[in-house]
Amino acid sequence: MRFLPLDSPVLNAAELGEIRGLRNTVTASTLYPIAAGPDGLKAAVKALCDEAERLVRGGAEVLVLSDFRDGGITADDAFIPPLLATGAVHHHLIRAGLRLDASIVVETAQAWSTHHIACLVGFGASAVHPYLLFQSVKTLFESDKRTKMRASGQLNDVPLEQAMRNTRKALEAGVLKILS
C-alpha cells in the first residue's frame, strides 16, 4: 500500500470524499440499537472490532468509523463514543497483526474541539471528519441574525469558505499545541 500524505488530521467532507475515491475505503457504523439495553454497548464494541478485522482482512486500506447516517439518527439509536470505538478498533487490529494494513478515520458529530481531535488522534485515528462542527458553522453563517450582523458591520463580512478555513485552522493550531 502506498502512503497517502495528509496535510492535516482534520478532514472536511470533500477531502474525505477524495480519500474514498483514491483508496479502498470502507465505513463501519458506530451506531447500534438502544433497545439492546445496558449490555448493548459492550456487544456493539465487540461487533465493531470484529467487523473492522473482517474489513481489513478483506483489503480495506482506510477504515472509516462513522456515527453519520443519511436521514439522521433516531431515538432508537445509540452510538459507541468515538474515543472508545477508535481505541477499541486500534488495539484490536494491533492484536490481530493488522493495524499497519489500514488507516482509521473517524467521522463523527461528537468532535468539535481541539481536545476531541487530539484525543482521537492519540487513540489511533489518522484523521477526523467532525461533520457536525462544519455543519454548525454553515448553519450559523447562514442564519438571518448573522447575515444581518455582517450586513450592518457588527461581524466581519467573510465568505462561508473562509469561515470554514478559519475553523479548521483553529482546530489544527490547537491540536498542534496539544501535541507539542
Protein backbone atom coordinates (compact mmCIF):
# COMPACT_ATOMS: atom_id res chain seq x y z
CA MET A 1 0.00 0.00 0.00
CA ARG A 2 1.30 3.43 -0.91
CA PHE A 3 1.04 6.18 1.66
CA LEU A 4 -1.44 8.98 1.20
CA PRO A 5 0.03 12.04 2.90
CA LEU A 6 -2.41 14.30 4.75
CA ASP A 7 -1.69 17.94 5.50
CA SER A 8 -3.98 17.88 8.50
CA PRO A 9 -5.66 15.44 10.89
CA VAL A 10 -8.87 17.45 10.32
CA LEU A 11 -10.79 16.50 7.19
CA ASN A 12 -13.74 18.21 5.58
CA ALA A 13 -16.38 16.32 3.60
CA ALA A 14 -14.70 16.93 0.24
CA GLU A 15 -11.36 15.60 1.48
CA LEU A 16 -12.96 12.51 2.96
CA GLY A 17 -14.71 12.02 -0.37
CA GLU A 18 -11.37 12.26 -2.18
CA ILE A 19 -9.86 9.64 0.12
CA ARG A 20 -12.83 7.39 -0.54
CA GLY A 21 -12.13 7.76 -4.26
CA LEU A 22 -8.38 7.14 -4.03
CA ARG A 23 -8.25 4.20 -1.65
CA ASN A 24 -10.20 1.05 -0.86
CA THR A 25 -12.22 2.78 1.83
CA VAL A 26 -14.93 1.12 3.89
CA THR A 27 -17.24 2.51 6.54
CA ALA A 28 -18.13 0.79 9.79
CA SER A 29 -21.05 2.27 11.68
CA THR A 30 -20.68 3.06 15.36
CA LEU A 31 -24.46 3.17 15.78
CA TYR A 32 -26.36 0.36 17.44
CA PRO A 33 -29.96 -0.14 18.63
CA ILE A 34 -30.69 1.41 22.01
CA ALA A 35 -33.10 -1.49 22.61
CA ALA A 36 -30.01 -3.67 23.17
CA GLY A 37 -30.14 -2.40 26.75
CA PRO A 38 -27.32 -1.99 29.27
CA ASP A 39 -25.14 -4.70 27.73
CA GLY A 40 -25.63 -3.30 24.23
CA LEU A 41 -22.54 -1.10 24.29
CA LYS A 42 -20.21 -3.97 25.13
CA ALA A 43 -21.74 -6.14 22.40
CA ALA A 44 -21.61 -3.24 19.91
CA VAL A 45 -17.90 -2.61 20.58
CA LYS A 46 -17.11 -6.30 20.11
CA ALA A 47 -19.14 -6.39 16.89
CA LEU A 48 -17.39 -3.25 15.62
CA CYS A 49 -13.95 -4.72 16.32
CA ASP A 50 -14.87 -8.00 14.60
CA GLU A 51 -16.24 -6.08 11.60
CA ALA A 52 -13.11 -3.92 11.41
CA GLU A 53 -10.90 -7.01 11.40
CA ARG A 54 -13.03 -8.64 8.70
CA LEU A 55 -12.93 -5.49 6.54
CA VAL A 56 -9.17 -5.02 6.85
CA ARG A 57 -8.55 -8.71 6.12
CA GLY A 58 -10.77 -8.18 3.07
CA GLY A 59 -8.43 -5.49 1.73
CA ALA A 60 -9.70 -2.24 3.22
CA GLU A 61 -6.97 0.40 3.24
CA VAL A 62 -8.96 3.09 5.04
CA LEU A 63 -11.48 2.23 7.74
CA VAL A 64 -13.97 5.00 8.49
CA LEU A 65 -15.62 4.70 11.90
CA SER A 66 -18.80 6.71 11.49
CA ASP A 67 -21.79 7.81 13.52
CA PHE A 68 -23.29 9.50 10.44
CA ARG A 69 -26.43 8.15 8.83
CA ASP A 70 -28.26 9.61 5.85
CA GLY A 71 -31.54 10.90 7.17
CA GLY A 72 -30.11 11.30 10.66
CA ILE A 73 -30.25 9.14 13.72
CA THR A 74 -33.43 8.45 15.64
CA ALA A 75 -34.45 7.93 19.25
CA ASP A 76 -33.97 4.19 18.62
CA ASP A 77 -30.25 4.65 18.01
CA ALA A 78 -27.36 4.75 20.42
CA PHE A 79 -23.73 5.24 19.50
CA ILE A 80 -20.38 3.96 20.60
CA PRO A 81 -18.48 7.03 21.84
CA PRO A 82 -15.87 7.80 19.17
CA LEU A 83 -12.93 7.65 21.57
CA LEU A 84 -14.00 4.20 22.76
CA ALA A 85 -14.62 2.99 19.20
CA THR A 86 -11.27 4.31 17.96
CA GLY A 87 -9.24 2.89 20.83
CA ALA A 88 -11.00 -0.48 20.74
CA VAL A 89 -10.58 -0.92 16.97
CA HIS A 90 -6.97 0.34 17.07
CA HIS A 91 -5.95 -2.15 19.76
CA HIS A 92 -7.99 -4.99 18.25
CA LEU A 93 -6.21 -4.52 14.92
CA ILE A 94 -2.83 -4.44 16.72
CA ARG A 95 -3.62 -7.75 18.46
CA ALA A 96 -4.73 -9.22 15.12
CA GLY A 97 -1.48 -8.06 13.45
CA LEU A 98 -3.41 -5.86 11.02
CA ARG A 99 -3.01 -2.32 12.34
CA LEU A 100 -0.44 -1.28 9.76
CA ASP A 101 -2.65 -2.51 6.92
CA ALA A 102 -5.29 0.23 7.26
CA SER A 103 -5.71 3.78 8.43
CA ILE A 104 -8.52 4.73 10.77
CA VAL A 105 -10.58 7.83 10.01
CA VAL A 106 -13.27 8.92 12.46
CA GLU A 107 -16.37 10.60 11.01
CA THR A 108 -18.28 11.93 13.98
CA ALA A 109 -20.69 14.54 15.23
CA GLN A 110 -19.08 14.22 18.64
CA ALA A 111 -15.82 16.02 17.95
CA TRP A 112 -15.97 19.81 17.97
CA SER A 113 -12.92 20.94 19.92
CA THR A 114 -9.17 20.66 19.65
CA HIS A 115 -9.20 18.36 22.68
CA HIS A 116 -11.59 15.93 20.96
CA ILE A 117 -9.49 15.83 17.79
CA ALA A 118 -6.21 15.41 19.71
CA CYS A 119 -7.65 12.58 21.84
CA LEU A 120 -8.93 10.73 18.77
CA VAL A 121 -5.52 11.04 17.10
CA GLY A 122 -3.85 9.93 20.32
CA PHE A 123 -6.11 6.86 20.47
CA GLY A 124 -5.23 5.77 16.93
CA ALA A 125 -7.12 7.85 14.37
CA SER A 126 -5.16 9.02 11.36
CA ALA A 127 -7.71 11.76 10.71
CA VAL A 128 -11.07 13.07 11.92
CA HIS A 129 -14.03 14.44 9.98
CA PRO A 130 -16.06 16.49 12.51
CA TYR A 131 -19.07 16.78 10.24
CA LEU A 132 -21.45 18.35 12.74
CA LEU A 133 -18.96 21.08 13.58
CA PHE A 134 -18.69 22.09 9.92
CA GLN A 135 -22.47 21.87 9.51
CA SER A 136 -22.91 24.09 12.59
CA VAL A 137 -20.55 26.70 11.17
CA LYS A 138 -22.56 26.70 7.95
CA THR A 139 -25.90 26.92 9.77
CA LEU A 140 -24.72 29.80 11.97
CA PHE A 141 -23.20 31.59 8.98
CA GLU A 142 -26.47 31.36 7.04
CA SER A 143 -28.73 32.37 9.94
CA ASP A 144 -30.76 35.54 9.49
CA LYS A 145 -29.27 37.14 12.60
CA ARG A 146 -25.67 36.59 11.47
CA THR A 147 -26.48 37.74 7.94
CA LYS A 148 -27.92 41.00 9.30
CA MET A 149 -24.93 41.45 11.64
CA ARG A 150 -22.49 41.05 8.72
CA ALA A 151 -24.52 43.48 6.61
CA SER A 152 -24.52 46.09 9.40
CA GLY A 153 -20.79 45.69 10.07
CA GLN A 154 -21.23 44.11 13.50
CA LEU A 155 -19.49 40.97 12.22
CA ASN A 156 -16.64 40.69 9.75
CA ASP A 157 -18.03 40.04 6.30
CA VAL A 158 -16.09 36.91 5.36
CA PRO A 159 -17.33 34.32 2.89
CA LEU A 160 -18.52 30.94 4.16
CA GLU A 161 -15.46 29.22 2.66
CA GLN A 162 -13.20 31.50 4.72
CA ALA A 163 -15.23 30.78 7.87
CA MET A 164 -14.71 27.05 7.24
CA ARG A 165 -10.98 27.56 6.69
CA ASN A 166 -10.76 29.63 9.88
CA THR A 167 -12.50 26.90 11.86
CA ARG A 168 -10.15 24.27 10.51
CA LYS A 169 -7.09 26.44 11.08
CA ALA A 170 -8.12 27.00 14.71
CA LEU A 171 -8.56 23.24 15.22
CA GLU A 172 -5.21 22.47 13.63
CA ALA A 173 -3.38 25.09 15.71
CA GLY A 174 -4.98 23.79 18.89
CA VAL A 175 -4.16 20.17 18.11
CA LEU A 176 -0.57 21.12 17.29
CA LYS A 177 -0.29 22.95 20.60
CA ILE A 178 -1.69 19.94 22.48
CA LEU A 179 0.61 17.51 20.70
CA SER A 180 3.68 19.67 21.27
